[in-house]
Amino acid sequence: MDDKRDMAALGKAMYDMAARMYPICRSITGDGVRSTLKIVSQVIPLQVHEVPSGAQVFDWVVPREWNVRDAYVANSRGERVIDFKKHNLHVLNYSSPINATMSLAELKPHLFSLPDKPDWIPYRTSYYRENWGFCLSHKALLALPEDQYTVVIDSTLEPGALTYGEYYVRGELADEVLISCHICHPSLANDNLSGIALASHLARLLGDARPRYSYRFVFIPGTIGSIAWLSRNEETAQRIKHGLVVVCVGDGGKFTYKKSRRGNAVIDRAVLHVLSHEAGEFNQIEFYPYGYDERQYCSPGFNLAVGSLSRTTHGEYPQYHTSADDLDLISPRNLAESLQVYLKVVDVIEHDRIYINQNPKCEPQLGKRGLYGGVGATARPANEMALLWVLNLSDGSHSLLDIAERANMPFEQIKHAAKALLGCGLLRAAD
């Protein structure tokens, strides 16, 4: 996609969207997910799906729906020493309800902190094993005196549904590009409010365009969401030719790309090509069967060409899964830079085609067609070298991405050269 958009305005819009979602307590099910999808629906016309609790999705079962209204620990004077209403990370996500009085010794096995990060609240979950608990800073834990504590978690675990959102952009081709992001984490800005905001705005930009591929955006709870989606969309999954999992795109770290299971799919090559020419230093990770939802899309029964493009990847920044992953960790500028990289990857996918040179016996005379400079030089300008590379390798077996990689030139230069050569009849699209 040729991008002439106001990236600063888009960066601010994405940041503002993340800020609106930040206070919501999300989980893999529940009203927090629905509230988040309502915000996404204000950017794109989202279709919302619900998979009922108890539904079999491959080897998994959709769990009961969890909602929490309040949670706290109060001392004997009635003062809340841990308060869910002050920060939703304070409650162990998916905690079962409790209303009891207990000693500090009885309470402590249900308290979680980070001794090496004493000022931060950790993010902890207990999705598939019934439990209850609270998270707090280690400083706050050490400051708790011996006392009788009132422990209240006003939550429900009841039959309900797993909720996810989907947005489809119809292109010229039925072949699809999948863009997936997880929506289950509570107040964690980089992981993954940044991904939700970027995916939403990328979807809106593509919805306003006329893409070659069709694009399917899914906003899903982590792991169980992608498993549920795949179980309900096996036929659709066969049309997915390229895909990316969007996560951790708001911090200022280096870009990181985790390859698909295939390792050398077009999406792998496209992302690495863009990063090599646009991002300066970046990190490249080979596929491994852990991480985010790419591991479900790349499971052997599907083996989709889906990688994951982030800034600093999960677990590699100190604020990961803590209260320090807040709105100060992300910025409009970083979000805009990440969106720009995603747009350039989309541009490669959209324009990577095979052409055939219509004048293959020796070089055609480009000067008389207005494509060559009039003054000879020892070193050819980049745009002229791009023309020569495209002509030389457009033999029906090399795509534009092949040519850009071979020439070690930005894809955009190769794309523009092909457009110029098409315009004067020296190229035609392969059948």
Protein backbone atom coordinates (compact mmCIF):
# COMPACT_ATOMS: atom_id res chain seq x y z
CA MET A 1 0.00 0.00 0.00
CA ASP A 2 1.37 3.40 -0.94
CA ASP A 3 1.20 5.26 2.36
CA LYS A 4 0.75 9.02 2.42
CA ARG A 5 -1.21 9.10 5.67
CA ASP A 6 -0.73 11.27 8.73
CA MET A 7 1.10 8.73 10.84
CA ALA A 8 1.33 11.09 13.81
CA ALA A 9 -2.47 11.35 13.91
CA LEU A 10 -2.80 7.59 13.59
CA GLY A 11 -0.31 7.09 16.41
CA LYS A 12 -2.33 9.37 18.67
CA ALA A 13 -5.60 7.63 17.72
CA MET A 14 -4.10 4.23 18.57
CA TYR A 15 -2.72 5.49 21.89
CA ASP A 16 -6.04 7.09 22.81
CA MET A 17 -7.81 3.83 22.00
CA ALA A 18 -5.40 1.90 24.25
CA ALA A 19 -6.01 4.43 27.02
CA ARG A 20 -9.77 3.88 26.78
CA MET A 21 -9.34 0.11 27.05
CA TYR A 22 -6.74 0.23 29.82
CA PRO A 23 -9.07 0.36 32.88
CA ILE A 24 -11.17 -2.64 31.75
CA CYS A 25 -10.69 -5.94 33.58
CA ARG A 26 -10.46 -8.54 30.82
CA SER A 27 -10.05 -12.29 30.90
CA ILE A 28 -10.54 -15.17 28.46
CA THR A 29 -14.31 -14.79 28.90
CA GLY A 30 -16.70 -12.27 30.36
CA ASP A 31 -18.05 -8.77 30.11
CA GLY A 32 -14.58 -7.20 30.00
CA VAL A 33 -14.00 -8.86 26.64
CA ARG A 34 -17.38 -7.64 25.40
CA SER A 35 -16.65 -4.08 26.55
CA THR A 36 -13.31 -4.17 24.75
CA LEU A 37 -14.90 -5.40 21.53
CA LYS A 38 -17.42 -2.55 21.73
CA ILE A 39 -14.52 -0.11 21.63
CA VAL A 40 -13.02 -1.96 18.65
CA SER A 41 -16.46 -1.78 16.98
CA GLN A 42 -16.24 2.01 17.06
CA VAL A 43 -13.25 1.78 14.69
CA ILE A 44 -14.39 -1.08 12.42
CA PRO A 45 -17.75 -2.86 11.91
CA LEU A 46 -16.92 -5.91 14.00
CA GLN A 47 -18.87 -9.15 13.92
CA VAL A 48 -19.05 -10.62 17.42
CA HIS A 49 -19.27 -14.38 17.98
CA GLU A 50 -19.99 -16.35 21.16
CA VAL A 51 -18.97 -19.95 21.79
CA PRO A 52 -20.95 -21.44 24.71
CA SER A 53 -19.31 -22.76 27.85
CA GLY A 54 -18.88 -26.51 27.63
CA ALA A 55 -18.39 -26.49 23.86
CA GLN A 56 -15.73 -28.94 22.67
CA VAL A 57 -13.04 -27.20 20.61
CA PHE A 58 -10.61 -29.89 19.50
CA ASP A 59 -8.98 -31.24 22.70
CA TRP A 60 -10.21 -28.30 24.82
CA VAL A 61 -13.53 -27.34 26.41
CA VAL A 62 -14.69 -23.73 26.59
CA PRO A 63 -14.67 -22.88 30.31
CA ARG A 64 -17.35 -21.27 32.41
CA GLU A 65 -17.61 -17.51 32.02
CA TRP A 66 -15.88 -15.39 34.65
CA ASN A 67 -16.95 -11.95 35.81
CA VAL A 68 -15.76 -9.99 38.84
CA ARG A 69 -17.51 -7.03 40.43
CA ASP A 70 -15.27 -6.37 43.41
CA ALA A 71 -12.38 -7.94 45.31
CA TYR A 72 -10.47 -6.82 48.39
CA VAL A 73 -8.60 -7.75 51.52
CA ALA A 74 -9.49 -5.61 54.56
CA ASN A 75 -7.74 -5.47 57.91
CA SER A 76 -9.52 -5.69 61.27
CA ARG A 77 -10.22 -1.93 61.14
CA GLY A 78 -12.08 -2.36 57.84
CA GLU A 79 -9.35 -0.69 55.75
CA ARG A 80 -8.77 -2.21 52.33
CA VAL A 81 -5.10 -3.21 52.14
CA ILE A 82 -5.54 -4.86 48.72
CA ASP A 83 -8.20 -3.35 46.48
CA PHE A 84 -9.27 -4.57 43.03
CA LYS A 85 -10.93 -1.21 42.39
CA LYS A 86 -7.54 0.52 42.58
CA HIS A 87 -5.90 -1.85 40.07
CA ASN A 88 -7.50 -4.85 38.41
CA LEU A 89 -4.24 -6.82 38.51
CA HIS A 90 -4.77 -7.12 42.27
CA VAL A 91 -7.10 -10.10 41.81
CA LEU A 92 -5.87 -13.47 40.55
CA ASN A 93 -7.57 -13.61 37.18
CA TYR A 94 -10.40 -16.19 37.14
CA SER A 95 -10.56 -16.30 40.95
CA SER A 96 -13.53 -18.20 42.34
CA PRO A 97 -15.75 -16.28 44.80
CA ILE A 98 -14.90 -16.14 48.48
CA ASN A 99 -16.10 -14.25 51.55
CA ALA A 100 -14.15 -15.26 54.66
CA THR A 101 -12.09 -14.05 57.59
CA MET A 102 -8.61 -15.51 58.11
CA SER A 103 -5.21 -14.94 59.65
CA LEU A 104 -2.21 -13.65 57.73
CA ALA A 105 -0.73 -17.17 57.74
CA GLU A 106 -3.89 -18.53 56.13
CA LEU A 107 -3.98 -15.68 53.60
CA LYS A 108 -0.34 -15.76 52.49
CA PRO A 109 -0.53 -18.90 50.28
CA HIS A 110 -3.04 -16.96 48.17
CA LEU A 111 -0.86 -13.85 47.76
CA PHE A 112 1.46 -13.35 44.79
CA SER A 113 4.26 -10.81 44.50
CA LEU A 114 7.59 -10.22 42.75
CA PRO A 115 10.50 -10.08 45.21
CA ASP A 116 12.88 -8.93 42.44
CA LYS A 117 10.48 -6.13 41.38
CA PRO A 118 9.19 -5.01 44.76
CA ASP A 119 7.16 -2.00 43.57
CA TRP A 120 5.19 -3.78 40.85
CA ILE A 121 2.01 -5.88 40.95
CA PRO A 122 2.32 -9.15 39.00
CA TYR A 123 -0.30 -10.46 36.58
CA ARG A 124 -1.35 -14.02 37.46
CA THR A 125 -4.14 -16.28 36.22
CA SER A 126 -5.83 -19.54 37.14
CA TYR A 127 -8.03 -20.22 34.12
CA TYR A 128 -8.33 -23.99 34.21
CA ARG A 129 -7.83 -24.84 37.89
CA GLU A 130 -10.27 -23.39 40.41
CA ASN A 131 -8.47 -21.14 42.85
CA TRP A 132 -8.61 -17.68 44.38
CA GLY A 133 -5.94 -15.17 45.17
CA PHE A 134 -4.59 -11.65 45.16
CA CYS A 135 -1.54 -10.00 43.61
CA LEU A 136 0.29 -7.13 45.25
CA SER A 137 3.67 -5.43 45.31
CA HIS A 138 6.27 -7.21 47.39
CA LYS A 139 6.70 -4.07 49.49
CA ALA A 140 3.00 -4.16 50.32
CA LEU A 141 3.21 -7.86 51.15
CA LEU A 142 6.11 -7.34 53.56
CA ALA A 143 4.21 -4.51 55.24
CA LEU A 144 1.18 -6.66 56.14
CA PRO A 145 1.04 -7.11 59.94
CA GLU A 146 -0.34 -10.07 61.82
CA ASP A 147 -4.09 -9.53 61.88
CA GLN A 148 -7.44 -11.04 61.06
CA TYR A 149 -8.29 -10.19 57.46
CA THR A 150 -11.62 -10.07 55.68
CA VAL A 151 -11.20 -11.61 52.22
CA VAL A 152 -13.84 -10.90 49.59
CA ILE A 153 -13.90 -11.80 45.90
CA ASP A 154 -17.31 -10.95 44.45
CA SER A 155 -17.03 -12.98 41.26
CA THR A 156 -19.06 -15.48 39.28
CA LEU A 157 -18.04 -18.62 37.41
CA GLU A 158 -21.15 -19.63 35.52
CA PRO A 159 -22.21 -21.11 32.17
CA GLY A 160 -21.83 -18.38 29.58
CA ALA A 161 -19.69 -17.96 26.50
CA LEU A 162 -16.29 -17.23 25.06
CA THR A 163 -16.55 -14.05 23.00
CA TYR A 164 -14.42 -13.02 20.03
CA GLY A 165 -14.59 -10.48 17.24
CA GLU A 166 -14.00 -10.78 13.53
CA TYR A 167 -13.71 -8.31 10.66
CA TYR A 168 -13.46 -9.35 7.02
CA VAL A 169 -12.20 -7.16 4.17
CA ARG A 170 -13.13 -8.64 0.81
CA GLY A 171 -10.39 -8.31 -1.79
CA GLU A 172 -10.02 -9.24 -5.44
CA LEU A 173 -8.89 -12.73 -4.42
CA ALA A 174 -10.57 -15.27 -2.15
CA ASP A 175 -7.10 -16.05 -0.73
CA GLU A 176 -6.80 -14.50 2.71
CA VAL A 177 -4.33 -12.74 4.97
CA LEU A 178 -4.99 -13.40 8.67
CA ILE A 179 -4.27 -10.71 11.26
CA SER A 180 -4.78 -11.98 14.81
CA CYS A 181 -4.41 -10.39 18.24
CA HIS A 182 -5.30 -11.45 21.76
CA ILE A 183 -7.78 -9.43 23.79
CA CYS A 184 -7.80 -11.28 27.13
CA HIS A 185 -5.20 -9.42 29.20
CA PRO A 186 -6.41 -6.83 31.74
CA SER A 187 -4.58 -3.54 32.30
CA LEU A 188 -1.42 -4.34 30.33
CA ALA A 189 -0.73 -1.63 27.77
CA ASN A 190 1.95 -3.17 25.58
CA ASP A 191 0.68 -6.73 26.00
CA ASN A 192 -1.70 -6.36 24.33
CA LEU A 193 -3.70 -3.15 24.15
CA SER A 194 -1.08 -1.94 21.68
CA GLY A 195 -1.82 -4.93 19.44
CA ILE A 196 -5.58 -4.42 19.61
CA ALA A 197 -5.22 -0.73 18.71
CA LEU A 198 -2.83 -1.39 15.82
CA ALA A 199 -4.90 -4.24 14.38
CA SER A 200 -8.07 -2.13 14.59
CA HIS A 201 -6.56 0.80 12.69
CA LEU A 202 -4.82 -1.42 10.16
CA ALA A 203 -8.20 -3.05 9.54
CA ARG A 204 -9.85 0.33 9.06
CA LEU A 205 -7.19 1.42 6.56
CA LEU A 206 -7.56 -1.80 4.58
CA GLY A 207 -11.34 -1.56 4.72
CA ASP A 208 -11.09 1.83 3.02
CA ALA A 209 -8.81 0.42 0.32
CA ARG A 210 -9.37 -2.08 -2.48
CA PRO A 211 -6.85 -4.79 -1.61
CA ARG A 212 -5.82 -7.65 -3.82
CA TYR A 213 -6.04 -10.23 -1.02
CA SER A 214 -8.95 -10.60 1.33
CA TYR A 215 -8.09 -9.81 4.95
CA ARG A 216 -9.51 -11.45 8.05
CA PHE A 217 -8.94 -9.78 11.41
CA VAL A 218 -9.66 -11.80 14.55
CA PHE A 219 -9.73 -10.38 18.07
CA ILE A 220 -9.59 -13.39 20.35
CA PRO A 221 -8.79 -14.52 23.89
CA GLY A 222 -5.31 -16.05 23.97
CA THR A 223 -4.91 -19.79 23.27
CA ILE A 224 -8.49 -20.93 23.85
CA GLY A 225 -9.72 -18.20 21.47
CA SER A 226 -7.57 -19.23 18.50
CA ILE A 227 -8.35 -22.90 19.20
CA ALA A 228 -12.07 -22.11 19.23
CA TRP A 229 -11.78 -20.02 16.05
CA LEU A 230 -9.86 -22.74 14.20
CA SER A 231 -12.29 -25.43 15.34
CA ARG A 232 -15.17 -23.44 13.84
CA ASN A 233 -13.34 -22.31 10.70
CA GLU A 234 -11.36 -25.24 9.30
CA GLU A 235 -12.58 -24.58 5.77
CA THR A 236 -11.84 -20.86 6.04
CA ALA A 237 -8.36 -21.64 7.34
CA GLN A 238 -7.54 -23.38 4.06
CA ARG A 239 -7.80 -20.01 2.29
CA ILE A 240 -5.22 -18.32 4.55
CA LYS A 241 -2.03 -17.77 2.57
CA HIS A 242 -0.26 -15.34 4.91
CA GLY A 243 -0.76 -14.28 8.51
CA LEU A 244 0.61 -12.27 11.43
CA VAL A 245 -0.02 -12.29 15.15
CA VAL A 246 0.08 -8.69 16.43
CA VAL A 247 1.48 -8.25 19.92
CA CYS A 248 3.65 -5.87 21.96
CA VAL A 249 3.90 -3.14 19.32
CA GLY A 250 3.82 -0.03 21.51
CA ASP A 251 7.17 -0.05 23.33
CA GLY A 252 10.37 1.49 22.02
CA GLY A 253 12.40 -1.69 21.63
CA LYS A 254 13.78 -3.24 18.48
CA PHE A 255 11.36 -4.96 16.15
CA THR A 256 11.23 -8.71 16.58
CA TYR A 257 9.95 -11.26 14.09
CA LYS A 258 9.18 -14.84 14.99
CA LYS A 259 9.00 -16.96 11.85
CA SER A 260 6.17 -19.26 10.93
CA ARG A 261 6.61 -23.01 11.36
CA ARG A 262 7.37 -23.23 7.64
CA GLY A 263 10.37 -20.97 8.15
CA ASN A 264 10.62 -19.57 4.63
CA ALA A 265 7.05 -18.70 3.75
CA VAL A 266 6.35 -15.55 1.77
CA ILE A 267 5.21 -13.79 4.96
CA ASP A 268 8.53 -14.67 6.65
CA ARG A 269 10.50 -13.31 3.71
CA ALA A 270 8.29 -10.23 3.38
CA VAL A 271 8.62 -9.22 7.03
CA LEU A 272 12.36 -9.83 7.18
CA HIS A 273 12.87 -7.93 3.93
CA VAL A 274 10.94 -4.92 5.24
CA LEU A 275 12.76 -4.98 8.57
CA SER A 276 16.17 -5.23 6.90
CA HIS A 277 15.51 -2.06 4.90
CA GLU A 278 13.28 -0.06 7.26
CA ALA A 279 13.96 -0.94 10.88
CA GLY A 280 17.72 -0.76 11.42
CA GLU A 281 18.66 -3.43 13.95
CA PHE A 282 16.00 -6.05 14.61
CA ASN A 283 15.67 -9.49 16.14
CA GLN A 284 14.77 -12.65 14.26
CA ILE A 285 13.47 -15.74 16.04
CA GLU A 286 13.00 -19.17 14.56
CA PHE A 287 9.65 -20.81 15.19
CA TYR A 288 9.21 -22.68 18.46
CA PRO A 289 5.93 -24.14 19.81
CA TYR A 290 5.35 -21.64 22.61
CA GLY A 291 4.41 -17.98 22.77
CA TYR A 292 1.21 -16.50 21.42
CA ASP A 293 -1.45 -17.80 19.06
CA GLU A 294 0.97 -18.41 16.18
CA ARG A 295 1.59 -21.80 17.81
CA GLN A 296 -2.07 -22.74 17.23
CA TYR A 297 -2.16 -21.49 13.64
CA CYS A 298 1.15 -23.29 13.00
CA SER A 299 0.13 -26.55 14.67
CA PRO A 300 0.81 -29.51 12.33
CA GLY A 301 -2.86 -30.05 11.48
CA PHE A 302 -3.02 -26.53 10.01
CA ASN A 303 0.61 -25.43 9.40
CA LEU A 304 -0.49 -21.98 8.29
CA ALA A 305 2.07 -19.43 7.20
CA VAL A 306 1.60 -17.25 10.29
CA GLY A 307 4.43 -15.46 12.05
CA SER A 308 4.45 -12.91 14.87
CA LEU A 309 5.68 -9.34 14.45
CA SER A 310 6.30 -7.33 17.63
CA ARG A 311 8.65 -4.79 19.14
CA THR A 312 10.21 -6.31 22.28
CA THR A 313 8.75 -9.79 22.45
CA HIS A 314 6.99 -11.38 25.41
CA GLY A 315 9.06 -11.91 28.52
CA GLU A 316 11.96 -9.87 27.17
CA TYR A 317 11.11 -6.52 28.76
CA PRO A 318 11.14 -6.13 32.55
CA GLN A 319 7.62 -4.69 32.76
CA TYR A 320 6.08 -7.77 31.07
CA HIS A 321 3.02 -9.10 32.93
CA THR A 322 3.27 -6.51 35.68
CA SER A 323 1.56 -3.25 36.62
CA ALA A 324 4.54 -1.43 35.07
CA ASP A 325 3.23 -2.41 31.63
CA ASP A 326 1.15 0.74 31.77
CA LEU A 327 0.35 3.60 29.41
CA ASP A 328 3.77 5.18 30.08
CA LEU A 329 5.45 2.17 28.46
CA ILE A 330 3.81 2.77 25.08
CA SER A 331 3.72 5.92 22.97
CA PRO A 332 1.93 7.31 19.91
CA ARG A 333 5.25 7.49 18.08
CA ASN A 334 6.11 3.84 18.70
CA LEU A 335 2.62 2.74 17.68
CA ALA A 336 2.87 4.79 14.49
CA GLU A 337 6.27 3.27 13.66
CA SER A 338 4.85 -0.21 14.19
CA LEU A 339 1.82 0.51 12.01
CA GLN A 340 4.12 1.85 9.30
CA VAL A 341 6.08 -1.43 9.31
CA TYR A 342 2.85 -3.44 9.11
CA LEU A 343 1.69 -1.32 6.18
CA LYS A 344 4.96 -1.94 4.36
CA VAL A 345 4.62 -5.69 4.91
CA VAL A 346 1.08 -5.51 3.52
CA ASP A 347 2.46 -3.57 0.55
CA VAL A 348 4.89 -6.40 -0.22
CA ILE A 349 2.18 -9.04 0.02
CA GLU A 350 -0.20 -7.01 -2.12
CA HIS A 351 2.28 -6.29 -4.92
CA ASP A 352 4.44 -9.42 -4.98
CA ARG A 353 3.69 -10.74 -8.47
CA ILE A 354 5.52 -12.48 -11.26
CA TYR A 355 6.10 -10.62 -14.54
CA ILE A 356 7.56 -11.53 -17.91
CA ASN A 357 10.02 -9.36 -19.84
CA GLN A 358 8.59 -8.58 -23.28
CA ASN A 359 12.00 -7.70 -24.72
CA PRO A 360 14.21 -10.43 -23.22
CA LYS A 361 17.01 -10.50 -25.81
CA CYS A 362 19.53 -8.01 -24.46
CA GLU A 363 18.57 -4.83 -22.67
CA PRO A 364 15.86 -2.71 -24.25
CA GLN A 365 16.76 0.91 -24.87
CA LEU A 366 15.33 2.63 -21.83
CA GLY A 367 16.47 6.13 -22.75
CA LYS A 368 14.06 6.48 -25.65
CA ARG A 369 11.26 5.47 -23.32
CA GLY A 370 12.18 8.19 -20.81
CA LEU A 371 13.35 5.68 -18.18
CA TYR A 372 17.09 6.36 -18.27
CA GLY A 373 19.13 9.43 -17.40
CA GLY A 374 20.71 11.32 -20.23
CA VAL A 375 24.20 11.59 -18.76
CA GLY A 376 26.40 8.52 -18.40
CA ALA A 377 27.83 7.73 -14.99
CA THR A 378 30.06 5.08 -13.46
CA ALA A 379 27.46 4.17 -10.85
CA ARG A 380 23.85 3.86 -11.90
CA PRO A 381 21.17 5.59 -9.79
CA ALA A 382 19.12 3.22 -7.65
CA ASN A 383 15.95 3.67 -9.70
CA GLU A 384 17.79 2.73 -12.90
CA MET A 385 19.37 -0.30 -11.25
CA ALA A 386 15.90 -1.35 -10.11
CA LEU A 387 14.72 -1.20 -13.74
CA LEU A 388 17.61 -3.40 -14.87
CA TRP A 389 17.07 -5.93 -12.10
CA VAL A 390 13.37 -6.22 -12.87
CA LEU A 391 14.03 -6.68 -16.58
CA ASN A 392 16.74 -9.24 -16.01
CA LEU A 393 14.83 -11.44 -13.57
CA SER A 394 11.32 -11.12 -14.96
CA ASP A 395 11.51 -14.43 -16.75
CA GLY A 396 8.29 -15.94 -15.41
CA SER A 397 9.96 -17.64 -12.46
CA HIS A 398 10.92 -14.74 -10.17
CA SER A 399 8.47 -12.61 -8.19
CA LEU A 400 9.13 -8.99 -7.29
CA LEU A 401 10.07 -10.10 -3.77
CA ASP A 402 12.57 -12.55 -5.27
CA ILE A 403 14.05 -9.67 -7.26
CA ALA A 404 14.17 -7.29 -4.28
CA GLU A 405 15.97 -9.92 -2.20
CA ARG A 406 18.43 -10.74 -4.98
CA ALA A 407 19.12 -7.05 -5.70
CA ASN A 408 19.22 -6.19 -1.98
CA MET A 409 16.97 -3.23 -2.68
CA PRO A 410 13.82 -2.04 -0.90
CA PHE A 411 10.73 -3.70 -2.30
CA GLU A 412 9.16 -0.32 -2.94
CA GLN A 413 11.88 0.57 -5.46
CA ILE A 414 11.41 -2.72 -7.27
CA LYS A 415 7.64 -2.26 -7.27
CA HIS A 416 7.89 1.22 -8.79
CA ALA A 417 10.34 -0.02 -11.42
CA ALA A 418 7.91 -2.77 -12.43
CA LYS A 419 5.09 -0.23 -12.65
CA ALA A 420 7.17 1.96 -14.97
CA LEU A 421 8.11 -0.99 -17.18
CA LEU A 422 4.49 -2.14 -17.34
CA GLY A 423 3.51 1.37 -18.39
CA CYS A 424 5.72 1.29 -21.47
CA GLY A 425 4.92 -2.27 -22.48
CA LEU A 426 8.21 -3.91 -21.47
CA LEU A 427 6.55 -6.18 -18.90
CA ARG A 428 3.38 -8.18 -18.70
CA ALA A 429 1.91 -10.05 -15.78
CA ALA A 430 2.46 -13.79 -15.84
CA ASP A 431 -0.70 -15.85 -16.31
